[in-house]
Each structure stands twice: as C-alpha cells, then as structure tokens.
Amino acid sequence: MNLGRVANINIFRKVRQLETLVKPGSLLQACRCNPTYFPKSTSSLANLNRCITPNANNYLKCRILSKLPAQSTVSVTQTRAASTQGDHVRLWLIERMVSASFLSLIPAALLFESKFIDIILASAIVMHTHWGLEAIILDYCRPIVVGTIVPKVAFLLLNLLSAATLAGLLVLIYNGPGITKVIKHGWAIGKNREKSN
C-alpha cells in the first residue's frame, strides 16, 4: 500500500523533471525548436515530437527528446491538510483573532466577573484548545502512517472532548460560581494557608 504511494510520488517527480524541458532556456531551445508550437496555458509534453530538429551539435539531446512519451498522467493523493476545499486563510485568521482576544478577555473576566464574559471566555478556551489538539492529530495521526481508522477515531474523540468541556464550563457558569470566581478561589487557597501560619 505504501509502496504504491511512494511510486506515485517518484513518477510525479520524474514528470516534473521532464516538463522542465518544455520551458524556454532548456534542452528544447538547444534543439532550436519553434516556441509557437507550445500553447502557453499547458505544460504537457504532447507537442514535443513536432519541434525536434536535430543538427550536428546537439544530435544526442534531440534524439533523447524524440523518445519521450507524448502524454503523461499522474494521480496524486491529497491529504486532508492539503485539500483545496475550505478557506484555510480565513480559518487561520480566526484562530489568530481568538488567540489575540485572550489578551483582553482574561483581564476583563477577572475584573468584571459577569456570566456573559465567562460564556465568551469558555467558548474561546474550547475553540483554542480544539484547534490546537486538531493540529496535533493532523501531525501525528496521518492516514499514510497509522491507517484510516485511527484518525477518524481521534477526530471523533476530539469532538466529544470539546463538546463535553464546553458543556462542563457552561454548567459551571450557570449552576456554579463561574469560571473567574473558581480561579479566584483557587488563588485564595494559597493565601489562606499563609495567613494561618
């Protein structure tokens, strides 16, 4: 299974090397080919045999070029991270905005202690950790390495963990003291011990 993918990558590299022959300044120019034979929108080797004009100086090069295949096709498997679906730039910007929002959100939550700010803080924390853990899963649970089942299970567990974390934080906000009061009570534990000594 992995050998087939490696073979596809090697074939892709070889085709890319052959396609460099089509570019101006390469071996085709040494053969004094007419560049009007090649359409500008394509980089295939389909019209290569038309322009081979051997001469005494570069007979060997032109003979090699005439033996090249007229058409080559390669199938390349795309991974989830390199897919063309979705707007990755917009998602990256949203991730950076959520990360930068912690600079003002955490001090505001500690100063004002409101349920509204706690809800925003809880959702930002869950989004931030979800995206970070998703990046870890993408890096270490690649289907080419661990198979196709392990990444699916890991993403399912991640979604369940994120939903449970958000639900727990919302229960803490609505039925308990709130996130910021719990943090302040945690800080006060150390201060109470120092006062009793």
C-alpha atoms as a PDB file:
ATOM      1  CA  MET A   1       0.000   0.000   0.000  1.00  0.00           C
ATOM      2  CA  ASN A   2       2.729   2.475   0.944  1.00  0.00           C
ATOM      3  CA  LEU A   3       4.916   1.338  -1.944  1.00  0.00           C
ATOM      4  CA  GLY A   4       2.215   2.398  -4.407  1.00  0.00           C
ATOM      5  CA  ARG A   5       2.091   5.887  -2.915  1.00  0.00           C
ATOM      6  CA  VAL A   6       5.876   6.218  -2.972  1.00  0.00           C
ATOM      7  CA  ALA A   7       5.864   5.098  -6.612  1.00  0.00           C
ATOM      8  CA  ASN A   8       3.268   7.762  -7.467  1.00  0.00           C
ATOM      9  CA  ILE A   9       5.428  10.432  -5.814  1.00  0.00           C
ATOM     10  CA  ASN A  10       8.519   9.278  -7.739  1.00  0.00           C
ATOM     11  CA  ILE A  11       6.587   9.246 -11.005  1.00  0.00           C
ATOM     12  CA  PHE A  12       5.323  12.745 -10.234  1.00  0.00           C
ATOM     13  CA  ARG A  13       8.898  13.959  -9.687  1.00  0.00           C
ATOM     14  CA  LYS A  14      10.071  12.409 -12.956  1.00  0.00           C
ATOM     15  CA  VAL A  15       7.219  14.016 -14.892  1.00  0.00           C
ATOM     16  CA  ARG A  16       8.032  17.387 -13.337  1.00  0.00           C
ATOM     17  CA  GLN A  17      11.655  16.956 -14.425  1.00  0.00           C
ATOM     18  CA  LEU A  18      10.540  16.145 -17.951  1.00  0.00           C
ATOM     19  CA  GLU A  19       8.190  19.122 -18.024  1.00  0.00           C
ATOM     20  CA  THR A  20      11.103  21.435 -17.309  1.00  0.00           C
ATOM     21  CA  LEU A  21      12.302  20.526 -20.781  1.00  0.00           C
ATOM     22  CA  VAL A  22       9.355  22.450 -22.229  1.00  0.00           C
ATOM     23  CA  LYS A  23      10.349  25.705 -20.550  1.00  0.00           C
ATOM     24  CA  PRO A  24      12.362  28.294 -22.514  1.00  0.00           C
ATOM     25  CA  GLY A  25      16.107  28.052 -21.994  1.00  0.00           C
ATOM     26  CA  SER A  26      16.022  24.275 -21.618  1.00  0.00           C
ATOM     27  CA  LEU A  27      17.009  21.452 -23.982  1.00  0.00           C
ATOM     28  CA  LEU A  28      14.264  22.284 -26.439  1.00  0.00           C
ATOM     29  CA  GLN A  29      15.800  25.669 -27.074  1.00  0.00           C
ATOM     30  CA  ALA A  30      19.107  23.946 -27.750  1.00  0.00           C
ATOM     31  CA  CYS A  31      17.303  21.973 -30.454  1.00  0.00           C
ATOM     32  CA  ARG A  32      16.189  25.292 -31.988  1.00  0.00           C
ATOM     33  CA  CYS A  33      12.509  24.465 -31.713  1.00  0.00           C
ATOM     34  CA  ASN A  34       9.823  26.893 -32.662  1.00  0.00           C
ATOM     35  CA  PRO A  35       8.157  28.084 -29.404  1.00  0.00           C
ATOM     36  CA  THR A  36       4.868  28.751 -31.204  1.00  0.00           C
ATOM     37  CA  TYR A  37       4.171  25.018 -31.211  1.00  0.00           C
ATOM     38  CA  PHE A  38       3.631  25.091 -27.456  1.00  0.00           C
ATOM     39  CA  PRO A  39       0.485  26.719 -26.070  1.00  0.00           C
ATOM     40  CA  LYS A  40       1.214  28.981 -23.121  1.00  0.00           C
ATOM     41  CA  SER A  41      -1.587  27.547 -20.984  1.00  0.00           C
ATOM     42  CA  THR A  42      -0.241  23.984 -20.902  1.00  0.00           C
ATOM     43  CA  SER A  43       2.930  22.400 -19.646  1.00  0.00           C
ATOM     44  CA  SER A  44       2.424  18.923 -21.096  1.00  0.00           C
ATOM     45  CA  LEU A  45       4.786  17.126 -23.378  1.00  0.00           C
ATOM     46  CA  ALA A  46       2.128  16.401 -26.009  1.00  0.00           C
ATOM     47  CA  ASN A  47       3.611  18.607 -28.751  1.00  0.00           C
ATOM     48  CA  LEU A  48       7.208  17.696 -28.046  1.00  0.00           C
ATOM     49  CA  ASN A  49       7.799  15.446 -31.069  1.00  0.00           C
ATOM     50  CA  ARG A  50       6.714  18.152 -33.542  1.00  0.00           C
ATOM     51  CA  CYS A  51       9.605  20.504 -32.938  1.00  0.00           C
ATOM     52  CA  ILE A  52      12.565  18.157 -32.821  1.00  0.00           C
ATOM     53  CA  THR A  53      15.049  19.395 -35.419  1.00  0.00           C
ATOM     54  CA  PRO A  54      18.351  17.640 -34.882  1.00  0.00           C
ATOM     55  CA  ASN A  55      21.612  19.171 -36.054  1.00  0.00           C
ATOM     56  CA  ALA A  56      25.242  18.125 -35.737  1.00  0.00           C
ATOM     57  CA  ASN A  57      25.920  19.904 -32.421  1.00  0.00           C
ATOM     58  CA  ASN A  58      23.111  18.538 -30.311  1.00  0.00           C
ATOM     59  CA  TYR A  59      22.064  15.383 -32.123  1.00  0.00           C
ATOM     60  CA  LEU A  60      22.105  13.251 -28.944  1.00  0.00           C
ATOM     61  CA  LYS A  61      19.960  15.665 -26.956  1.00  0.00           C
ATOM     62  CA  CYS A  62      17.343  15.915 -29.673  1.00  0.00           C
ATOM     63  CA  ARG A  63      17.322  12.175 -30.156  1.00  0.00           C
ATOM     64  CA  ILE A  64      16.601  11.691 -26.441  1.00  0.00           C
ATOM     65  CA  LEU A  65      13.819  14.265 -26.631  1.00  0.00           C
ATOM     66  CA  SER A  66      12.213  12.491 -29.556  1.00  0.00           C
ATOM     67  CA  LYS A  67      11.926   9.305 -27.464  1.00  0.00           C
ATOM     68  CA  LEU A  68       9.871  10.996 -24.713  1.00  0.00           C
ATOM     69  CA  PRO A  69       6.231   9.991 -24.342  1.00  0.00           C
ATOM     70  CA  ALA A  70       3.689  12.270 -25.932  1.00  0.00           C
ATOM     71  CA  GLN A  71       1.418  12.385 -22.881  1.00  0.00           C
ATOM     72  CA  SER A  72       1.860  11.587 -19.186  1.00  0.00           C
ATOM     73  CA  THR A  73      -0.760  11.400 -16.472  1.00  0.00           C
ATOM     74  CA  VAL A  74      -0.135  11.173 -12.748  1.00  0.00           C
ATOM     75  CA  SER A  75      -2.605  10.751  -9.915  1.00  0.00           C
ATOM     76  CA  VAL A  76      -1.570  12.428  -6.693  1.00  0.00           C
ATOM     77  CA  THR A  77      -3.412  11.684  -3.473  1.00  0.00           C
ATOM     78  CA  GLN A  78      -4.269  14.769  -1.468  1.00  0.00           C
ATOM     79  CA  THR A  79      -4.304  14.704   2.286  1.00  0.00           C
ATOM     80  CA  ARG A  80      -6.877  16.414   4.449  1.00  0.00           C
ATOM     81  CA  ALA A  81      -4.452  19.180   5.374  1.00  0.00           C
ATOM     82  CA  ALA A  82      -3.520  19.891   1.749  1.00  0.00           C
ATOM     83  CA  SER A  83      -7.029  19.745   0.363  1.00  0.00           C
ATOM     84  CA  THR A  84      -8.374  22.532  -1.779  1.00  0.00           C
ATOM     85  CA  GLN A  85     -11.743  22.507  -0.039  1.00  0.00           C
ATOM     86  CA  GLY A  86     -12.463  25.199   2.525  1.00  0.00           C
ATOM     87  CA  ASP A  87     -10.995  28.596   3.201  1.00  0.00           C
ATOM     88  CA  HIS A  88      -7.846  27.905   5.200  1.00  0.00           C
ATOM     89  CA  VAL A  89      -6.719  31.539   5.218  1.00  0.00           C
ATOM     90  CA  ARG A  90      -9.953  32.679   6.839  1.00  0.00           C
ATOM     91  CA  LEU A  91      -9.732  29.895   9.440  1.00  0.00           C
ATOM     92  CA  TRP A  92      -6.138  30.845  10.207  1.00  0.00           C
ATOM     93  CA  LEU A  93      -7.178  34.480  10.705  1.00  0.00           C
ATOM     94  CA  ILE A  94     -10.000  33.442  13.034  1.00  0.00           C
ATOM     95  CA  GLU A  95      -7.573  31.303  15.039  1.00  0.00           C
ATOM     96  CA  ARG A  96      -5.196  34.247  15.414  1.00  0.00           C
ATOM     97  CA  MET A  97      -8.042  36.583  16.433  1.00  0.00           C
ATOM     98  CA  VAL A  98      -9.244  34.129  19.103  1.00  0.00           C
ATOM     99  CA  SER A  99      -5.681  33.807  20.425  1.00  0.00           C
ATOM    100  CA  ALA A 100      -5.221  37.580  20.499  1.00  0.00           C
ATOM    101  CA  SER A 101      -8.591  38.078  22.207  1.00  0.00           C
ATOM    102  CA  PHE A 102      -7.267  36.353  25.332  1.00  0.00           C
ATOM    103  CA  LEU A 103      -5.073  39.401  25.989  1.00  0.00           C
ATOM    104  CA  SER A 104      -8.157  41.488  26.764  1.00  0.00           C
ATOM    105  CA  LEU A 105     -10.677  38.755  27.611  1.00  0.00           C
ATOM    106  CA  ILE A 106      -8.872  37.237  30.610  1.00  0.00           C
ATOM    107  CA  PRO A 107      -8.273  40.553  32.442  1.00  0.00           C
ATOM    108  CA  ALA A 108     -11.865  41.662  31.678  1.00  0.00           C
ATOM    109  CA  ALA A 109     -13.226  38.376  33.053  1.00  0.00           C
ATOM    110  CA  LEU A 110     -11.150  38.733  36.221  1.00  0.00           C
ATOM    111  CA  LEU A 111     -12.205  42.363  36.759  1.00  0.00           C
ATOM    112  CA  PHE A 112     -15.927  42.278  35.953  1.00  0.00           C
ATOM    113  CA  GLU A 113     -16.969  38.690  36.889  1.00  0.00           C
ATOM    114  CA  SER A 114     -20.066  38.566  34.693  1.00  0.00           C
ATOM    115  CA  LYS A 115     -21.750  35.495  33.216  1.00  0.00           C
ATOM    116  CA  PHE A 116     -21.651  36.991  29.717  1.00  0.00           C
ATOM    117  CA  ILE A 117     -17.853  37.407  29.782  1.00  0.00           C
ATOM    118  CA  ASP A 118     -17.492  33.937  31.311  1.00  0.00           C
ATOM    119  CA  ILE A 119     -19.501  32.433  28.431  1.00  0.00           C
ATOM    120  CA  ILE A 120     -17.317  34.200  25.860  1.00  0.00           C
ATOM    121  CA  LEU A 121     -14.190  33.099  27.741  1.00  0.00           C
ATOM    122  CA  ALA A 122     -15.409  29.479  27.925  1.00  0.00           C
ATOM    123  CA  SER A 123     -16.184  29.329  24.199  1.00  0.00           C
ATOM    124  CA  ALA A 124     -12.833  30.933  23.316  1.00  0.00           C
ATOM    125  CA  ILE A 125     -10.952  28.469  25.534  1.00  0.00           C
ATOM    126  CA  VAL A 126     -12.732  25.485  23.972  1.00  0.00           C
ATOM    127  CA  MET A 127     -12.164  26.739  20.392  1.00  0.00           C
ATOM    128  CA  HIS A 128      -8.493  27.448  21.084  1.00  0.00           C
ATOM    129  CA  THR A 129      -7.820  24.029  22.624  1.00  0.00           C
ATOM    130  CA  HIS A 130      -9.889  22.241  19.960  1.00  0.00           C
ATOM    131  CA  TRP A 131      -7.866  23.781  17.126  1.00  0.00           C
ATOM    132  CA  GLY A 132      -4.585  23.035  18.913  1.00  0.00           C
ATOM    133  CA  LEU A 133      -5.481  19.394  19.526  1.00  0.00           C
ATOM    134  CA  GLU A 134      -6.757  19.094  15.942  1.00  0.00           C
ATOM    135  CA  ALA A 135      -3.360  20.256  14.681  1.00  0.00           C
ATOM    136  CA  ILE A 136      -1.675  17.638  16.870  1.00  0.00           C
ATOM    137  CA  ILE A 137      -3.934  14.917  15.463  1.00  0.00           C
ATOM    138  CA  LEU A 138      -3.209  16.073  11.898  1.00  0.00           C
ATOM    139  CA  ASP A 139       0.528  15.928  12.574  1.00  0.00           C
ATOM    140  CA  TYR A 140       0.753  12.617  14.407  1.00  0.00           C
ATOM    141  CA  CYS A 141      -2.211  10.574  13.118  1.00  0.00           C
ATOM    142  CA  ARG A 142      -1.602  10.731   9.393  1.00  0.00           C
ATOM    143  CA  PRO A 143      -3.551   8.137   7.415  1.00  0.00           C
ATOM    144  CA  ILE A 144      -0.442   7.203   5.442  1.00  0.00           C
ATOM    145  CA  VAL A 145       1.300   6.214   8.703  1.00  0.00           C
ATOM    146  CA  VAL A 146      -1.384   4.842  11.059  1.00  0.00           C
ATOM    147  CA  GLY A 147      -4.130   3.875   8.618  1.00  0.00           C
ATOM    148  CA  THR A 148      -7.533   5.424   8.004  1.00  0.00           C
ATOM    149  CA  ILE A 149      -9.384   4.298  11.134  1.00  0.00           C
ATOM    150  CA  VAL A 150      -7.158   5.864  13.823  1.00  0.00           C
ATOM    151  CA  PRO A 151      -7.534   9.479  12.553  1.00  0.00           C
ATOM    152  CA  LYS A 152     -11.309   9.108  12.341  1.00  0.00           C
ATOM    153  CA  VAL A 153     -11.490   7.792  15.910  1.00  0.00           C
ATOM    154  CA  ALA A 154      -9.123  10.539  17.106  1.00  0.00           C
ATOM    155  CA  PHE A 155     -11.246  13.279  15.499  1.00  0.00           C
ATOM    156  CA  LEU A 156     -14.423  11.757  16.944  1.00  0.00           C
ATOM    157  CA  LEU A 157     -12.874  11.681  20.423  1.00  0.00           C
ATOM    158  CA  LEU A 158     -11.666  15.251  19.989  1.00  0.00           C
ATOM    159  CA  ASN A 159     -15.162  16.443  19.065  1.00  0.00           C
ATOM    160  CA  LEU A 160     -16.645  14.610  22.057  1.00  0.00           C
ATOM    161  CA  LEU A 161     -13.982  16.051  24.372  1.00  0.00           C
ATOM    162  CA  SER A 162     -14.572  19.594  23.119  1.00  0.00           C
ATOM    163  CA  ALA A 163     -18.369  19.268  23.488  1.00  0.00           C
ATOM    164  CA  ALA A 164     -18.028  17.827  26.993  1.00  0.00           C
ATOM    165  CA  THR A 165     -15.595  20.577  28.013  1.00  0.00           C
ATOM    166  CA  LEU A 166     -17.903  23.323  26.755  1.00  0.00           C
ATOM    167  CA  ALA A 167     -20.888  21.704  28.466  1.00  0.00           C
ATOM    168  CA  GLY A 168     -18.959  21.410  31.738  1.00  0.00           C
ATOM    169  CA  LEU A 169     -17.842  25.042  31.611  1.00  0.00           C
ATOM    170  CA  LEU A 170     -21.410  26.211  30.880  1.00  0.00           C
ATOM    171  CA  VAL A 171     -22.718  24.161  33.813  1.00  0.00           C
ATOM    172  CA  LEU A 172     -20.037  25.762  35.994  1.00  0.00           C
ATOM    173  CA  ILE A 173     -21.128  29.218  34.808  1.00  0.00           C
ATOM    174  CA  TYR A 174     -24.910  28.758  35.150  1.00  0.00           C
ATOM    175  CA  ASN A 175     -25.125  26.411  38.160  1.00  0.00           C
ATOM    176  CA  GLY A 176     -21.893  27.228  39.953  1.00  0.00           C
ATOM    177  CA  PRO A 177     -19.884  30.282  40.869  1.00  0.00           C
ATOM    178  CA  GLY A 178     -18.460  30.849  37.351  1.00  0.00           C
ATOM    179  CA  ILE A 179     -15.037  30.428  35.804  1.00  0.00           C
ATOM    180  CA  THR A 180     -13.414  33.565  37.204  1.00  0.00           C
ATOM    181  CA  LYS A 181     -14.702  33.002  40.754  1.00  0.00           C
ATOM    182  CA  VAL A 182     -13.349  29.440  40.697  1.00  0.00           C
ATOM    183  CA  ILE A 183      -9.959  30.795  39.592  1.00  0.00           C
ATOM    184  CA  LYS A 184     -10.023  33.433  42.347  1.00  0.00           C
ATOM    185  CA  HIS A 185     -10.991  30.814  44.953  1.00  0.00           C
ATOM    186  CA  GLY A 186      -8.056  28.711  43.754  1.00  0.00           C
ATOM    187  CA  TRP A 187      -5.717  31.652  44.269  1.00  0.00           C
ATOM    188  CA  ALA A 188      -7.210  32.326  47.704  1.00  0.00           C
ATOM    189  CA  ILE A 189      -6.384  28.793  48.922  1.00  0.00           C
ATOM    190  CA  GLY A 190      -2.683  29.606  48.982  1.00  0.00           C
ATOM    191  CA  LYS A 191      -3.282  32.936  50.705  1.00  0.00           C
ATOM    192  CA  ASN A 192      -5.415  31.364  53.453  1.00  0.00           C
ATOM    193  CA  ARG A 193      -2.641  28.895  54.291  1.00  0.00           C
ATOM    194  CA  GLU A 194      -0.096  31.707  54.596  1.00  0.00           C
ATOM    195  CA  LYS A 195      -2.395  33.682  56.943  1.00  0.00           C
ATOM    196  CA  SER A 196      -2.997  30.684  59.214  1.00  0.00           C
ATOM    197  CA  ASN A 197       0.764  30.134  59.726  1.00  0.00           C
END
